[in-house]
Amino acid sequence: QVEFLERAGVDVDVFHFKGAKRLSN
């Protein structure tokens, strides 16, 4: 989805994290 949004001319900055079911994360 990110790839095709960018192909359509949208700048996408992905911020990813791993929650792992932990509030501290």
PDBML (XML) file of the C-alpha atoms, coordinates in Angstrom:
<?xml version="1.0" encoding="UTF-8" ?>
<PDBx:datablock datablockName="MODEL"
   xmlns:PDBx="http://pdbml.pdb.org/schema/pdbx-v50.xsd"
   xmlns:xsi="http://www.w3.org/2001/XMLSchema-instance"
   xsi:schemaLocation="http://pdbml.pdb.org/schema/pdbx-v50.xsd pdbx-v50.xsd">
   <PDBx:atom_siteCategory>
      <PDBx:atom_site id="1">
         <PDBx:B_iso_or_equiv>0.00</PDBx:B_iso_or_equiv>
         <PDBx:Cartn_x>0.000</PDBx:Cartn_x>
         <PDBx:Cartn_y>0.000</PDBx:Cartn_y>
         <PDBx:Cartn_z>0.000</PDBx:Cartn_z>
         <PDBx:auth_asym_id>A</PDBx:auth_asym_id>
         <PDBx:auth_atom_id>CA</PDBx:auth_atom_id>
         <PDBx:auth_comp_id>GLN</PDBx:auth_comp_id>
         <PDBx:auth_seq_id>1</PDBx:auth_seq_id>
         <PDBx:group_PDB>ATOM</PDBx:group_PDB>
         <PDBx:label_alt_id xsi:nil="true" />
         <PDBx:label_asym_id>A</PDBx:label_asym_id>
         <PDBx:label_atom_id>CA</PDBx:label_atom_id>
         <PDBx:label_comp_id>GLN</PDBx:label_comp_id>
         <PDBx:label_entity_id>1</PDBx:label_entity_id>
         <PDBx:label_seq_id>1</PDBx:label_seq_id>
         <PDBx:occupancy>1.00</PDBx:occupancy>
         <PDBx:pdbx_PDB_model_num>1</PDBx:pdbx_PDB_model_num>
         <PDBx:type_symbol>C</PDBx:type_symbol>
      </PDBx:atom_site>
      <PDBx:atom_site id="2">
         <PDBx:B_iso_or_equiv>0.00</PDBx:B_iso_or_equiv>
         <PDBx:Cartn_x>2.856</PDBx:Cartn_x>
         <PDBx:Cartn_y>2.379</PDBx:Cartn_y>
         <PDBx:Cartn_z>0.813</PDBx:Cartn_z>
         <PDBx:auth_asym_id>A</PDBx:auth_asym_id>
         <PDBx:auth_atom_id>CA</PDBx:auth_atom_id>
         <PDBx:auth_comp_id>VAL</PDBx:auth_comp_id>
         <PDBx:auth_seq_id>2</PDBx:auth_seq_id>
         <PDBx:group_PDB>ATOM</PDBx:group_PDB>
         <PDBx:label_alt_id xsi:nil="true" />
         <PDBx:label_asym_id>A</PDBx:label_asym_id>
         <PDBx:label_atom_id>CA</PDBx:label_atom_id>
         <PDBx:label_comp_id>VAL</PDBx:label_comp_id>
         <PDBx:label_entity_id>1</PDBx:label_entity_id>
         <PDBx:label_seq_id>2</PDBx:label_seq_id>
         <PDBx:occupancy>1.00</PDBx:occupancy>
         <PDBx:pdbx_PDB_model_num>1</PDBx:pdbx_PDB_model_num>
         <PDBx:type_symbol>C</PDBx:type_symbol>
      </PDBx:atom_site>
      <PDBx:atom_site id="3">
         <PDBx:B_iso_or_equiv>0.00</PDBx:B_iso_or_equiv>
         <PDBx:Cartn_x>4.483</PDBx:Cartn_x>
         <PDBx:Cartn_y>1.611</PDBx:Cartn_y>
         <PDBx:Cartn_z>-2.537</PDBx:Cartn_z>
         <PDBx:auth_asym_id>A</PDBx:auth_asym_id>
         <PDBx:auth_atom_id>CA</PDBx:auth_atom_id>
         <PDBx:auth_comp_id>GLU</PDBx:auth_comp_id>
         <PDBx:auth_seq_id>3</PDBx:auth_seq_id>
         <PDBx:group_PDB>ATOM</PDBx:group_PDB>
         <PDBx:label_alt_id xsi:nil="true" />
         <PDBx:label_asym_id>A</PDBx:label_asym_id>
         <PDBx:label_atom_id>CA</PDBx:label_atom_id>
         <PDBx:label_comp_id>GLU</PDBx:label_comp_id>
         <PDBx:label_entity_id>1</PDBx:label_entity_id>
         <PDBx:label_seq_id>3</PDBx:label_seq_id>
         <PDBx:occupancy>1.00</PDBx:occupancy>
         <PDBx:pdbx_PDB_model_num>1</PDBx:pdbx_PDB_model_num>
         <PDBx:type_symbol>C</PDBx:type_symbol>
      </PDBx:atom_site>
      <PDBx:atom_site id="4">
         <PDBx:B_iso_or_equiv>0.00</PDBx:B_iso_or_equiv>
         <PDBx:Cartn_x>1.342</PDBx:Cartn_x>
         <PDBx:Cartn_y>2.330</PDBx:Cartn_y>
         <PDBx:Cartn_z>-4.550</PDBx:Cartn_z>
         <PDBx:auth_asym_id>A</PDBx:auth_asym_id>
         <PDBx:auth_atom_id>CA</PDBx:auth_atom_id>
         <PDBx:auth_comp_id>PHE</PDBx:auth_comp_id>
         <PDBx:auth_seq_id>4</PDBx:auth_seq_id>
         <PDBx:group_PDB>ATOM</PDBx:group_PDB>
         <PDBx:label_alt_id xsi:nil="true" />
         <PDBx:label_asym_id>A</PDBx:label_asym_id>
         <PDBx:label_atom_id>CA</PDBx:label_atom_id>
         <PDBx:label_comp_id>PHE</PDBx:label_comp_id>
         <PDBx:label_entity_id>1</PDBx:label_entity_id>
         <PDBx:label_seq_id>4</PDBx:label_seq_id>
         <PDBx:occupancy>1.00</PDBx:occupancy>
         <PDBx:pdbx_PDB_model_num>1</PDBx:pdbx_PDB_model_num>
         <PDBx:type_symbol>C</PDBx:type_symbol>
      </PDBx:atom_site>
      <PDBx:atom_site id="5">
         <PDBx:B_iso_or_equiv>0.00</PDBx:B_iso_or_equiv>
         <PDBx:Cartn_x>0.466</PDBx:Cartn_x>
         <PDBx:Cartn_y>5.459</PDBx:Cartn_y>
         <PDBx:Cartn_z>-2.582</PDBx:Cartn_z>
         <PDBx:auth_asym_id>A</PDBx:auth_asym_id>
         <PDBx:auth_atom_id>CA</PDBx:auth_atom_id>
         <PDBx:auth_comp_id>LEU</PDBx:auth_comp_id>
         <PDBx:auth_seq_id>5</PDBx:auth_seq_id>
         <PDBx:group_PDB>ATOM</PDBx:group_PDB>
         <PDBx:label_alt_id xsi:nil="true" />
         <PDBx:label_asym_id>A</PDBx:label_asym_id>
         <PDBx:label_atom_id>CA</PDBx:label_atom_id>
         <PDBx:label_comp_id>LEU</PDBx:label_comp_id>
         <PDBx:label_entity_id>1</PDBx:label_entity_id>
         <PDBx:label_seq_id>5</PDBx:label_seq_id>
         <PDBx:occupancy>1.00</PDBx:occupancy>
         <PDBx:pdbx_PDB_model_num>1</PDBx:pdbx_PDB_model_num>
         <PDBx:type_symbol>C</PDBx:type_symbol>
      </PDBx:atom_site>
      <PDBx:atom_site id="6">
         <PDBx:B_iso_or_equiv>0.00</PDBx:B_iso_or_equiv>
         <PDBx:Cartn_x>3.926</PDBx:Cartn_x>
         <PDBx:Cartn_y>6.773</PDBx:Cartn_y>
         <PDBx:Cartn_z>-3.413</PDBx:Cartn_z>
         <PDBx:auth_asym_id>A</PDBx:auth_asym_id>
         <PDBx:auth_atom_id>CA</PDBx:auth_atom_id>
         <PDBx:auth_comp_id>GLU</PDBx:auth_comp_id>
         <PDBx:auth_seq_id>6</PDBx:auth_seq_id>
         <PDBx:group_PDB>ATOM</PDBx:group_PDB>
         <PDBx:label_alt_id xsi:nil="true" />
         <PDBx:label_asym_id>A</PDBx:label_asym_id>
         <PDBx:label_atom_id>CA</PDBx:label_atom_id>
         <PDBx:label_comp_id>GLU</PDBx:label_comp_id>
         <PDBx:label_entity_id>1</PDBx:label_entity_id>
         <PDBx:label_seq_id>6</PDBx:label_seq_id>
         <PDBx:occupancy>1.00</PDBx:occupancy>
         <PDBx:pdbx_PDB_model_num>1</PDBx:pdbx_PDB_model_num>
         <PDBx:type_symbol>C</PDBx:type_symbol>
      </PDBx:atom_site>
      <PDBx:atom_site id="7">
         <PDBx:B_iso_or_equiv>0.00</PDBx:B_iso_or_equiv>
         <PDBx:Cartn_x>3.467</PDBx:Cartn_x>
         <PDBx:Cartn_y>5.787</PDBx:Cartn_y>
         <PDBx:Cartn_z>-7.060</PDBx:Cartn_z>
         <PDBx:auth_asym_id>A</PDBx:auth_asym_id>
         <PDBx:auth_atom_id>CA</PDBx:auth_atom_id>
         <PDBx:auth_comp_id>ARG</PDBx:auth_comp_id>
         <PDBx:auth_seq_id>7</PDBx:auth_seq_id>
         <PDBx:group_PDB>ATOM</PDBx:group_PDB>
         <PDBx:label_alt_id xsi:nil="true" />
         <PDBx:label_asym_id>A</PDBx:label_asym_id>
         <PDBx:label_atom_id>CA</PDBx:label_atom_id>
         <PDBx:label_comp_id>ARG</PDBx:label_comp_id>
         <PDBx:label_entity_id>1</PDBx:label_entity_id>
         <PDBx:label_seq_id>7</PDBx:label_seq_id>
         <PDBx:occupancy>1.00</PDBx:occupancy>
         <PDBx:pdbx_PDB_model_num>1</PDBx:pdbx_PDB_model_num>
         <PDBx:type_symbol>C</PDBx:type_symbol>
      </PDBx:atom_site>
      <PDBx:atom_site id="8">
         <PDBx:B_iso_or_equiv>0.00</PDBx:B_iso_or_equiv>
         <PDBx:Cartn_x>0.297</PDBx:Cartn_x>
         <PDBx:Cartn_y>7.890</PDBx:Cartn_y>
         <PDBx:Cartn_z>-7.013</PDBx:Cartn_z>
         <PDBx:auth_asym_id>A</PDBx:auth_asym_id>
         <PDBx:auth_atom_id>CA</PDBx:auth_atom_id>
         <PDBx:auth_comp_id>ALA</PDBx:auth_comp_id>
         <PDBx:auth_seq_id>8</PDBx:auth_seq_id>
         <PDBx:group_PDB>ATOM</PDBx:group_PDB>
         <PDBx:label_alt_id xsi:nil="true" />
         <PDBx:label_asym_id>A</PDBx:label_asym_id>
         <PDBx:label_atom_id>CA</PDBx:label_atom_id>
         <PDBx:label_comp_id>ALA</PDBx:label_comp_id>
         <PDBx:label_entity_id>1</PDBx:label_entity_id>
         <PDBx:label_seq_id>8</PDBx:label_seq_id>
         <PDBx:occupancy>1.00</PDBx:occupancy>
         <PDBx:pdbx_PDB_model_num>1</PDBx:pdbx_PDB_model_num>
         <PDBx:type_symbol>C</PDBx:type_symbol>
      </PDBx:atom_site>
      <PDBx:atom_site id="9">
         <PDBx:B_iso_or_equiv>0.00</PDBx:B_iso_or_equiv>
         <PDBx:Cartn_x>2.291</PDBx:Cartn_x>
         <PDBx:Cartn_y>10.915</PDBx:Cartn_y>
         <PDBx:Cartn_z>-5.882</PDBx:Cartn_z>
         <PDBx:auth_asym_id>A</PDBx:auth_asym_id>
         <PDBx:auth_atom_id>CA</PDBx:auth_atom_id>
         <PDBx:auth_comp_id>GLY</PDBx:auth_comp_id>
         <PDBx:auth_seq_id>9</PDBx:auth_seq_id>
         <PDBx:group_PDB>ATOM</PDBx:group_PDB>
         <PDBx:label_alt_id xsi:nil="true" />
         <PDBx:label_asym_id>A</PDBx:label_asym_id>
         <PDBx:label_atom_id>CA</PDBx:label_atom_id>
         <PDBx:label_comp_id>GLY</PDBx:label_comp_id>
         <PDBx:label_entity_id>1</PDBx:label_entity_id>
         <PDBx:label_seq_id>9</PDBx:label_seq_id>
         <PDBx:occupancy>1.00</PDBx:occupancy>
         <PDBx:pdbx_PDB_model_num>1</PDBx:pdbx_PDB_model_num>
         <PDBx:type_symbol>C</PDBx:type_symbol>
      </PDBx:atom_site>
      <PDBx:atom_site id="10">
         <PDBx:B_iso_or_equiv>0.00</PDBx:B_iso_or_equiv>
         <PDBx:Cartn_x>1.822</PDBx:Cartn_x>
         <PDBx:Cartn_y>10.827</PDBx:Cartn_y>
         <PDBx:Cartn_z>-2.105</PDBx:Cartn_z>
         <PDBx:auth_asym_id>A</PDBx:auth_asym_id>
         <PDBx:auth_atom_id>CA</PDBx:auth_atom_id>
         <PDBx:auth_comp_id>VAL</PDBx:auth_comp_id>
         <PDBx:auth_seq_id>10</PDBx:auth_seq_id>
         <PDBx:group_PDB>ATOM</PDBx:group_PDB>
         <PDBx:label_alt_id xsi:nil="true" />
         <PDBx:label_asym_id>A</PDBx:label_asym_id>
         <PDBx:label_atom_id>CA</PDBx:label_atom_id>
         <PDBx:label_comp_id>VAL</PDBx:label_comp_id>
         <PDBx:label_entity_id>1</PDBx:label_entity_id>
         <PDBx:label_seq_id>10</PDBx:label_seq_id>
         <PDBx:occupancy>1.00</PDBx:occupancy>
         <PDBx:pdbx_PDB_model_num>1</PDBx:pdbx_PDB_model_num>
         <PDBx:type_symbol>C</PDBx:type_symbol>
      </PDBx:atom_site>
      <PDBx:atom_site id="11">
         <PDBx:B_iso_or_equiv>0.00</PDBx:B_iso_or_equiv>
         <PDBx:Cartn_x>4.800</PDBx:Cartn_x>
         <PDBx:Cartn_y>11.333</PDBx:Cartn_y>
         <PDBx:Cartn_z>0.208</PDBx:Cartn_z>
         <PDBx:auth_asym_id>A</PDBx:auth_asym_id>
         <PDBx:auth_atom_id>CA</PDBx:auth_atom_id>
         <PDBx:auth_comp_id>ASP</PDBx:auth_comp_id>
         <PDBx:auth_seq_id>11</PDBx:auth_seq_id>
         <PDBx:group_PDB>ATOM</PDBx:group_PDB>
         <PDBx:label_alt_id xsi:nil="true" />
         <PDBx:label_asym_id>A</PDBx:label_asym_id>
         <PDBx:label_atom_id>CA</PDBx:label_atom_id>
         <PDBx:label_comp_id>ASP</PDBx:label_comp_id>
         <PDBx:label_entity_id>1</PDBx:label_entity_id>
         <PDBx:label_seq_id>11</PDBx:label_seq_id>
         <PDBx:occupancy>1.00</PDBx:occupancy>
         <PDBx:pdbx_PDB_model_num>1</PDBx:pdbx_PDB_model_num>
         <PDBx:type_symbol>C</PDBx:type_symbol>
      </PDBx:atom_site>
      <PDBx:atom_site id="12">
         <PDBx:B_iso_or_equiv>0.00</PDBx:B_iso_or_equiv>
         <PDBx:Cartn_x>4.535</PDBx:Cartn_x>
         <PDBx:Cartn_y>8.604</PDBx:Cartn_y>
         <PDBx:Cartn_z>2.864</PDBx:Cartn_z>
         <PDBx:auth_asym_id>A</PDBx:auth_asym_id>
         <PDBx:auth_atom_id>CA</PDBx:auth_atom_id>
         <PDBx:auth_comp_id>VAL</PDBx:auth_comp_id>
         <PDBx:auth_seq_id>12</PDBx:auth_seq_id>
         <PDBx:group_PDB>ATOM</PDBx:group_PDB>
         <PDBx:label_alt_id xsi:nil="true" />
         <PDBx:label_asym_id>A</PDBx:label_asym_id>
         <PDBx:label_atom_id>CA</PDBx:label_atom_id>
         <PDBx:label_comp_id>VAL</PDBx:label_comp_id>
         <PDBx:label_entity_id>1</PDBx:label_entity_id>
         <PDBx:label_seq_id>12</PDBx:label_seq_id>
         <PDBx:occupancy>1.00</PDBx:occupancy>
         <PDBx:pdbx_PDB_model_num>1</PDBx:pdbx_PDB_model_num>
         <PDBx:type_symbol>C</PDBx:type_symbol>
      </PDBx:atom_site>
      <PDBx:atom_site id="13">
         <PDBx:B_iso_or_equiv>0.00</PDBx:B_iso_or_equiv>
         <PDBx:Cartn_x>6.751</PDBx:Cartn_x>
         <PDBx:Cartn_y>8.664</PDBx:Cartn_y>
         <PDBx:Cartn_z>5.947</PDBx:Cartn_z>
         <PDBx:auth_asym_id>A</PDBx:auth_asym_id>
         <PDBx:auth_atom_id>CA</PDBx:auth_atom_id>
         <PDBx:auth_comp_id>ASP</PDBx:auth_comp_id>
         <PDBx:auth_seq_id>13</PDBx:auth_seq_id>
         <PDBx:group_PDB>ATOM</PDBx:group_PDB>
         <PDBx:label_alt_id xsi:nil="true" />
         <PDBx:label_asym_id>A</PDBx:label_asym_id>
         <PDBx:label_atom_id>CA</PDBx:label_atom_id>
         <PDBx:label_comp_id>ASP</PDBx:label_comp_id>
         <PDBx:label_entity_id>1</PDBx:label_entity_id>
         <PDBx:label_seq_id>13</PDBx:label_seq_id>
         <PDBx:occupancy>1.00</PDBx:occupancy>
         <PDBx:pdbx_PDB_model_num>1</PDBx:pdbx_PDB_model_num>
         <PDBx:type_symbol>C</PDBx:type_symbol>
      </PDBx:atom_site>
      <PDBx:atom_site id="14">
         <PDBx:B_iso_or_equiv>0.00</PDBx:B_iso_or_equiv>
         <PDBx:Cartn_x>6.388</PDBx:Cartn_x>
         <PDBx:Cartn_y>5.312</PDBx:Cartn_y>
         <PDBx:Cartn_z>7.721</PDBx:Cartn_z>
         <PDBx:auth_asym_id>A</PDBx:auth_asym_id>
         <PDBx:auth_atom_id>CA</PDBx:auth_atom_id>
         <PDBx:auth_comp_id>VAL</PDBx:auth_comp_id>
         <PDBx:auth_seq_id>14</PDBx:auth_seq_id>
         <PDBx:group_PDB>ATOM</PDBx:group_PDB>
         <PDBx:label_alt_id xsi:nil="true" />
         <PDBx:label_asym_id>A</PDBx:label_asym_id>
         <PDBx:label_atom_id>CA</PDBx:label_atom_id>
         <PDBx:label_comp_id>VAL</PDBx:label_comp_id>
         <PDBx:label_entity_id>1</PDBx:label_entity_id>
         <PDBx:label_seq_id>14</PDBx:label_seq_id>
         <PDBx:occupancy>1.00</PDBx:occupancy>
         <PDBx:pdbx_PDB_model_num>1</PDBx:pdbx_PDB_model_num>
         <PDBx:type_symbol>C</PDBx:type_symbol>
      </PDBx:atom_site>
      <PDBx:atom_site id="15">
         <PDBx:B_iso_or_equiv>0.00</PDBx:B_iso_or_equiv>
         <PDBx:Cartn_x>6.921</PDBx:Cartn_x>
         <PDBx:Cartn_y>5.210</PDBx:Cartn_y>
         <PDBx:Cartn_z>11.473</PDBx:Cartn_z>
         <PDBx:auth_asym_id>A</PDBx:auth_asym_id>
         <PDBx:auth_atom_id>CA</PDBx:auth_atom_id>
         <PDBx:auth_comp_id>PHE</PDBx:auth_comp_id>
         <PDBx:auth_seq_id>15</PDBx:auth_seq_id>
         <PDBx:group_PDB>ATOM</PDBx:group_PDB>
         <PDBx:label_alt_id xsi:nil="true" />
         <PDBx:label_asym_id>A</PDBx:label_asym_id>
         <PDBx:label_atom_id>CA</PDBx:label_atom_id>
         <PDBx:label_comp_id>PHE</PDBx:label_comp_id>
         <PDBx:label_entity_id>1</PDBx:label_entity_id>
         <PDBx:label_seq_id>15</PDBx:label_seq_id>
         <PDBx:occupancy>1.00</PDBx:occupancy>
         <PDBx:pdbx_PDB_model_num>1</PDBx:pdbx_PDB_model_num>
         <PDBx:type_symbol>C</PDBx:type_symbol>
      </PDBx:atom_site>
      <PDBx:atom_site id="16">
         <PDBx:B_iso_or_equiv>0.00</PDBx:B_iso_or_equiv>
         <PDBx:Cartn_x>6.846</PDBx:Cartn_x>
         <PDBx:Cartn_y>1.626</PDBx:Cartn_y>
         <PDBx:Cartn_z>12.667</PDBx:Cartn_z>
         <PDBx:auth_asym_id>A</PDBx:auth_asym_id>
         <PDBx:auth_atom_id>CA</PDBx:auth_atom_id>
         <PDBx:auth_comp_id>HIS</PDBx:auth_comp_id>
         <PDBx:auth_seq_id>16</PDBx:auth_seq_id>
         <PDBx:group_PDB>ATOM</PDBx:group_PDB>
         <PDBx:label_alt_id xsi:nil="true" />
         <PDBx:label_asym_id>A</PDBx:label_asym_id>
         <PDBx:label_atom_id>CA</PDBx:label_atom_id>
         <PDBx:label_comp_id>HIS</PDBx:label_comp_id>
         <PDBx:label_entity_id>1</PDBx:label_entity_id>
         <PDBx:label_seq_id>16</PDBx:label_seq_id>
         <PDBx:occupancy>1.00</PDBx:occupancy>
         <PDBx:pdbx_PDB_model_num>1</PDBx:pdbx_PDB_model_num>
         <PDBx:type_symbol>C</PDBx:type_symbol>
      </PDBx:atom_site>
      <PDBx:atom_site id="17">
         <PDBx:B_iso_or_equiv>0.00</PDBx:B_iso_or_equiv>
         <PDBx:Cartn_x>7.262</PDBx:Cartn_x>
         <PDBx:Cartn_y>0.069</PDBx:Cartn_y>
         <PDBx:Cartn_z>16.062</PDBx:Cartn_z>
         <PDBx:auth_asym_id>A</PDBx:auth_asym_id>
         <PDBx:auth_atom_id>CA</PDBx:auth_atom_id>
         <PDBx:auth_comp_id>PHE</PDBx:auth_comp_id>
         <PDBx:auth_seq_id>17</PDBx:auth_seq_id>
         <PDBx:group_PDB>ATOM</PDBx:group_PDB>
         <PDBx:label_alt_id xsi:nil="true" />
         <PDBx:label_asym_id>A</PDBx:label_asym_id>
         <PDBx:label_atom_id>CA</PDBx:label_atom_id>
         <PDBx:label_comp_id>PHE</PDBx:label_comp_id>
         <PDBx:label_entity_id>1</PDBx:label_entity_id>
         <PDBx:label_seq_id>17</PDBx:label_seq_id>
         <PDBx:occupancy>1.00</PDBx:occupancy>
         <PDBx:pdbx_PDB_model_num>1</PDBx:pdbx_PDB_model_num>
         <PDBx:type_symbol>C</PDBx:type_symbol>
      </PDBx:atom_site>
      <PDBx:atom_site id="18">
         <PDBx:B_iso_or_equiv>0.00</PDBx:B_iso_or_equiv>
         <PDBx:Cartn_x>6.677</PDBx:Cartn_x>
         <PDBx:Cartn_y>-3.269</PDBx:Cartn_y>
         <PDBx:Cartn_z>17.755</PDBx:Cartn_z>
         <PDBx:auth_asym_id>A</PDBx:auth_asym_id>
         <PDBx:auth_atom_id>CA</PDBx:auth_atom_id>
         <PDBx:auth_comp_id>LYS</PDBx:auth_comp_id>
         <PDBx:auth_seq_id>18</PDBx:auth_seq_id>
         <PDBx:group_PDB>ATOM</PDBx:group_PDB>
         <PDBx:label_alt_id xsi:nil="true" />
         <PDBx:label_asym_id>A</PDBx:label_asym_id>
         <PDBx:label_atom_id>CA</PDBx:label_atom_id>
         <PDBx:label_comp_id>LYS</PDBx:label_comp_id>
         <PDBx:label_entity_id>1</PDBx:label_entity_id>
         <PDBx:label_seq_id>18</PDBx:label_seq_id>
         <PDBx:occupancy>1.00</PDBx:occupancy>
         <PDBx:pdbx_PDB_model_num>1</PDBx:pdbx_PDB_model_num>
         <PDBx:type_symbol>C</PDBx:type_symbol>
      </PDBx:atom_site>
      <PDBx:atom_site id="19">
         <PDBx:B_iso_or_equiv>0.00</PDBx:B_iso_or_equiv>
         <PDBx:Cartn_x>4.047</PDBx:Cartn_x>
         <PDBx:Cartn_y>-3.110</PDBx:Cartn_y>
         <PDBx:Cartn_z>20.439</PDBx:Cartn_z>
         <PDBx:auth_asym_id>A</PDBx:auth_asym_id>
         <PDBx:auth_atom_id>CA</PDBx:auth_atom_id>
         <PDBx:auth_comp_id>GLY</PDBx:auth_comp_id>
         <PDBx:auth_seq_id>19</PDBx:auth_seq_id>
         <PDBx:group_PDB>ATOM</PDBx:group_PDB>
         <PDBx:label_alt_id xsi:nil="true" />
         <PDBx:label_asym_id>A</PDBx:label_asym_id>
         <PDBx:label_atom_id>CA</PDBx:label_atom_id>
         <PDBx:label_comp_id>GLY</PDBx:label_comp_id>
         <PDBx:label_entity_id>1</PDBx:label_entity_id>
         <PDBx:label_seq_id>19</PDBx:label_seq_id>
         <PDBx:occupancy>1.00</PDBx:occupancy>
         <PDBx:pdbx_PDB_model_num>1</PDBx:pdbx_PDB_model_num>
         <PDBx:type_symbol>C</PDBx:type_symbol>
      </PDBx:atom_site>
      <PDBx:atom_site id="20">
         <PDBx:B_iso_or_equiv>0.00</PDBx:B_iso_or_equiv>
         <PDBx:Cartn_x>4.401</PDBx:Cartn_x>
         <PDBx:Cartn_y>-6.785</PDBx:Cartn_y>
         <PDBx:Cartn_z>21.411</PDBx:Cartn_z>
         <PDBx:auth_asym_id>A</PDBx:auth_asym_id>
         <PDBx:auth_atom_id>CA</PDBx:auth_atom_id>
         <PDBx:auth_comp_id>ALA</PDBx:auth_comp_id>
         <PDBx:auth_seq_id>20</PDBx:auth_seq_id>
         <PDBx:group_PDB>ATOM</PDBx:group_PDB>
         <PDBx:label_alt_id xsi:nil="true" />
         <PDBx:label_asym_id>A</PDBx:label_asym_id>
         <PDBx:label_atom_id>CA</PDBx:label_atom_id>
         <PDBx:label_comp_id>ALA</PDBx:label_comp_id>
         <PDBx:label_entity_id>1</PDBx:label_entity_id>
         <PDBx:label_seq_id>20</PDBx:label_seq_id>
         <PDBx:occupancy>1.00</PDBx:occupancy>
         <PDBx:pdbx_PDB_model_num>1</PDBx:pdbx_PDB_model_num>
         <PDBx:type_symbol>C</PDBx:type_symbol>
      </PDBx:atom_site>
      <PDBx:atom_site id="21">
         <PDBx:B_iso_or_equiv>0.00</PDBx:B_iso_or_equiv>
         <PDBx:Cartn_x>1.399</PDBx:Cartn_x>
         <PDBx:Cartn_y>-6.375</PDBx:Cartn_y>
         <PDBx:Cartn_z>23.731</PDBx:Cartn_z>
         <PDBx:auth_asym_id>A</PDBx:auth_asym_id>
         <PDBx:auth_atom_id>CA</PDBx:auth_atom_id>
         <PDBx:auth_comp_id>LYS</PDBx:auth_comp_id>
         <PDBx:auth_seq_id>21</PDBx:auth_seq_id>
         <PDBx:group_PDB>ATOM</PDBx:group_PDB>
         <PDBx:label_alt_id xsi:nil="true" />
         <PDBx:label_asym_id>A</PDBx:label_asym_id>
         <PDBx:label_atom_id>CA</PDBx:label_atom_id>
         <PDBx:label_comp_id>LYS</PDBx:label_comp_id>
         <PDBx:label_entity_id>1</PDBx:label_entity_id>
         <PDBx:label_seq_id>21</PDBx:label_seq_id>
         <PDBx:occupancy>1.00</PDBx:occupancy>
         <PDBx:pdbx_PDB_model_num>1</PDBx:pdbx_PDB_model_num>
         <PDBx:type_symbol>C</PDBx:type_symbol>
      </PDBx:atom_site>
      <PDBx:atom_site id="22">
         <PDBx:B_iso_or_equiv>0.00</PDBx:B_iso_or_equiv>
         <PDBx:Cartn_x>3.457</PDBx:Cartn_x>
         <PDBx:Cartn_y>-4.263</PDBx:Cartn_y>
         <PDBx:Cartn_z>26.155</PDBx:Cartn_z>
         <PDBx:auth_asym_id>A</PDBx:auth_asym_id>
         <PDBx:auth_atom_id>CA</PDBx:auth_atom_id>
         <PDBx:auth_comp_id>ARG</PDBx:auth_comp_id>
         <PDBx:auth_seq_id>22</PDBx:auth_seq_id>
         <PDBx:group_PDB>ATOM</PDBx:group_PDB>
         <PDBx:label_alt_id xsi:nil="true" />
         <PDBx:label_asym_id>A</PDBx:label_asym_id>
         <PDBx:label_atom_id>CA</PDBx:label_atom_id>
         <PDBx:label_comp_id>ARG</PDBx:label_comp_id>
         <PDBx:label_entity_id>1</PDBx:label_entity_id>
         <PDBx:label_seq_id>22</PDBx:label_seq_id>
         <PDBx:occupancy>1.00</PDBx:occupancy>
         <PDBx:pdbx_PDB_model_num>1</PDBx:pdbx_PDB_model_num>
         <PDBx:type_symbol>C</PDBx:type_symbol>
      </PDBx:atom_site>
      <PDBx:atom_site id="23">
         <PDBx:B_iso_or_equiv>0.00</PDBx:B_iso_or_equiv>
         <PDBx:Cartn_x>2.390</PDBx:Cartn_x>
         <PDBx:Cartn_y>-0.827</PDBx:Cartn_y>
         <PDBx:Cartn_z>27.380</PDBx:Cartn_z>
         <PDBx:auth_asym_id>A</PDBx:auth_asym_id>
         <PDBx:auth_atom_id>CA</PDBx:auth_atom_id>
         <PDBx:auth_comp_id>LEU</PDBx:auth_comp_id>
         <PDBx:auth_seq_id>23</PDBx:auth_seq_id>
         <PDBx:group_PDB>ATOM</PDBx:group_PDB>
         <PDBx:label_alt_id xsi:nil="true" />
         <PDBx:label_asym_id>A</PDBx:label_asym_id>
         <PDBx:label_atom_id>CA</PDBx:label_atom_id>
         <PDBx:label_comp_id>LEU</PDBx:label_comp_id>
         <PDBx:label_entity_id>1</PDBx:label_entity_id>
         <PDBx:label_seq_id>23</PDBx:label_seq_id>
         <PDBx:occupancy>1.00</PDBx:occupancy>
         <PDBx:pdbx_PDB_model_num>1</PDBx:pdbx_PDB_model_num>
         <PDBx:type_symbol>C</PDBx:type_symbol>
      </PDBx:atom_site>
      <PDBx:atom_site id="24">
         <PDBx:B_iso_or_equiv>0.00</PDBx:B_iso_or_equiv>
         <PDBx:Cartn_x>6.042</PDBx:Cartn_x>
         <PDBx:Cartn_y>0.157</PDBx:Cartn_y>
         <PDBx:Cartn_z>27.886</PDBx:Cartn_z>
         <PDBx:auth_asym_id>A</PDBx:auth_asym_id>
         <PDBx:auth_atom_id>CA</PDBx:auth_atom_id>
         <PDBx:auth_comp_id>SER</PDBx:auth_comp_id>
         <PDBx:auth_seq_id>24</PDBx:auth_seq_id>
         <PDBx:group_PDB>ATOM</PDBx:group_PDB>
         <PDBx:label_alt_id xsi:nil="true" />
         <PDBx:label_asym_id>A</PDBx:label_asym_id>
         <PDBx:label_atom_id>CA</PDBx:label_atom_id>
         <PDBx:label_comp_id>SER</PDBx:label_comp_id>
         <PDBx:label_entity_id>1</PDBx:label_entity_id>
         <PDBx:label_seq_id>24</PDBx:label_seq_id>
         <PDBx:occupancy>1.00</PDBx:occupancy>
         <PDBx:pdbx_PDB_model_num>1</PDBx:pdbx_PDB_model_num>
         <PDBx:type_symbol>C</PDBx:type_symbol>
      </PDBx:atom_site>
      <PDBx:atom_site id="25">
         <PDBx:B_iso_or_equiv>0.00</PDBx:B_iso_or_equiv>
         <PDBx:Cartn_x>6.724</PDBx:Cartn_x>
         <PDBx:Cartn_y>-0.390</PDBx:Cartn_y>
         <PDBx:Cartn_z>24.174</PDBx:Cartn_z>
         <PDBx:auth_asym_id>A</PDBx:auth_asym_id>
         <PDBx:auth_atom_id>CA</PDBx:auth_atom_id>
         <PDBx:auth_comp_id>ASN</PDBx:auth_comp_id>
         <PDBx:auth_seq_id>25</PDBx:auth_seq_id>
         <PDBx:group_PDB>ATOM</PDBx:group_PDB>
         <PDBx:label_alt_id xsi:nil="true" />
         <PDBx:label_asym_id>A</PDBx:label_asym_id>
         <PDBx:label_atom_id>CA</PDBx:label_atom_id>
         <PDBx:label_comp_id>ASN</PDBx:label_comp_id>
         <PDBx:label_entity_id>1</PDBx:label_entity_id>
         <PDBx:label_seq_id>25</PDBx:label_seq_id>
         <PDBx:occupancy>1.00</PDBx:occupancy>
         <PDBx:pdbx_PDB_model_num>1</PDBx:pdbx_PDB_model_num>
         <PDBx:type_symbol>C</PDBx:type_symbol>
      </PDBx:atom_site>
   </PDBx:atom_siteCategory>
</PDBx:datablock>
